[in-house]
Protein backbone atom coordinates (compact mmCIF):
# COMPACT_ATOMS: atom_id res chain seq x y z
CA MET A 1 -5.54 -14.90 -13.99
CA ASN A 2 -5.03 -17.99 -11.89
CA TRP A 3 -2.25 -20.52 -11.61
CA ASP A 4 -4.05 -23.07 -13.81
CA GLN A 5 -3.85 -20.62 -16.70
CA ILE A 6 -0.15 -20.02 -16.09
CA GLU A 7 0.51 -23.73 -15.73
CA GLY A 8 -1.20 -24.44 -19.04
CA LYS A 9 0.85 -21.79 -20.83
CA TRP A 10 4.09 -22.11 -18.86
CA LYS A 11 6.30 -21.77 -21.95
CA GLN A 12 4.77 -18.34 -22.55
CA PHE A 13 5.35 -17.29 -18.94
CA LYS A 14 8.90 -18.59 -18.48
CA GLY A 15 10.44 -15.34 -19.75
CA SER A 16 8.38 -13.29 -17.34
CA ALA A 17 9.34 -15.59 -14.46
CA LYS A 18 13.01 -15.31 -15.43
CA GLN A 19 12.67 -11.53 -15.47
CA GLN A 20 11.00 -11.54 -12.04
CA TRP A 21 13.47 -13.98 -10.46
CA GLY A 22 16.79 -13.57 -12.24
CA LYS A 23 18.52 -16.23 -10.14
CA LEU A 24 16.39 -18.94 -11.72
CA THR A 25 18.29 -20.73 -14.45
CA ASP A 26 16.82 -21.93 -17.71
CA ASP A 27 17.20 -25.45 -16.30
CA ASP A 28 15.20 -24.39 -13.22
CA LEU A 29 12.45 -22.99 -15.43
CA ASP A 30 12.32 -26.19 -17.48
CA ARG A 31 12.09 -28.29 -14.32
CA ILE A 32 9.36 -26.08 -12.87
CA ASP A 33 7.24 -26.77 -15.97
CA GLY A 34 4.30 -24.80 -14.57
CA ASN A 35 4.30 -26.49 -11.14
CA LYS A 36 3.72 -23.80 -8.51
CA ASP A 37 5.16 -25.87 -5.66
CA VAL A 38 8.34 -26.58 -7.61
CA LEU A 39 8.65 -22.86 -8.38
CA ALA A 40 8.24 -22.06 -4.69
CA GLY A 41 10.90 -24.63 -3.82
CA ARG A 42 13.36 -23.20 -6.33
CA LEU A 43 12.74 -19.69 -4.99
CA GLN A 44 13.40 -20.93 -1.46
CA GLU A 45 16.68 -22.49 -2.56
CA GLN A 46 17.90 -19.70 -4.82
CA TYR A 47 16.87 -16.78 -2.62
CA GLY A 48 17.05 -18.30 0.87
CA ILE A 49 13.46 -17.37 1.69
CA GLU A 50 10.74 -19.17 3.64
CA LYS A 51 7.98 -21.12 1.92
CA GLU A 52 5.34 -18.53 2.83
CA GLU A 53 7.45 -15.72 1.35
CA ALA A 54 8.00 -17.72 -1.84
CA HIS A 55 4.26 -18.23 -2.24
CA ARG A 56 3.61 -14.54 -1.50
CA GLN A 57 6.04 -13.55 -4.24
CA ILE A 58 4.41 -15.98 -6.66
CA ASP A 59 0.94 -14.63 -5.83
CA ASP A 60 2.18 -11.06 -6.36
CA TRP A 61 3.68 -12.10 -9.70
CA ILE A 62 0.39 -13.73 -10.75
CA ALA A 63 -1.49 -10.56 -9.77
CA GLY A 64 0.87 -8.57 -11.97
CA ARG A 65 0.06 -10.79 -14.94
CA THR A 66 -3.64 -9.94 -14.65
CA LYS A 67 -2.90 -6.25 -15.14
CA HIS A 68 -1.57 -6.84 -18.66
């Protein structure tokens, strides 16, 4: 699975993202709207992590989606 697939079906993946990153609010998830850079930015803000770490977490999350 790649980000384009997640972006196109963001509404289906919002619950999984919320489960992965519990600090994200429903408003955050609506604002993200499938945009990977916005997700990374929200993770940086909510979790106090660097951009590279946010993208690593997102990539790990994407990899986990391909196993299902």
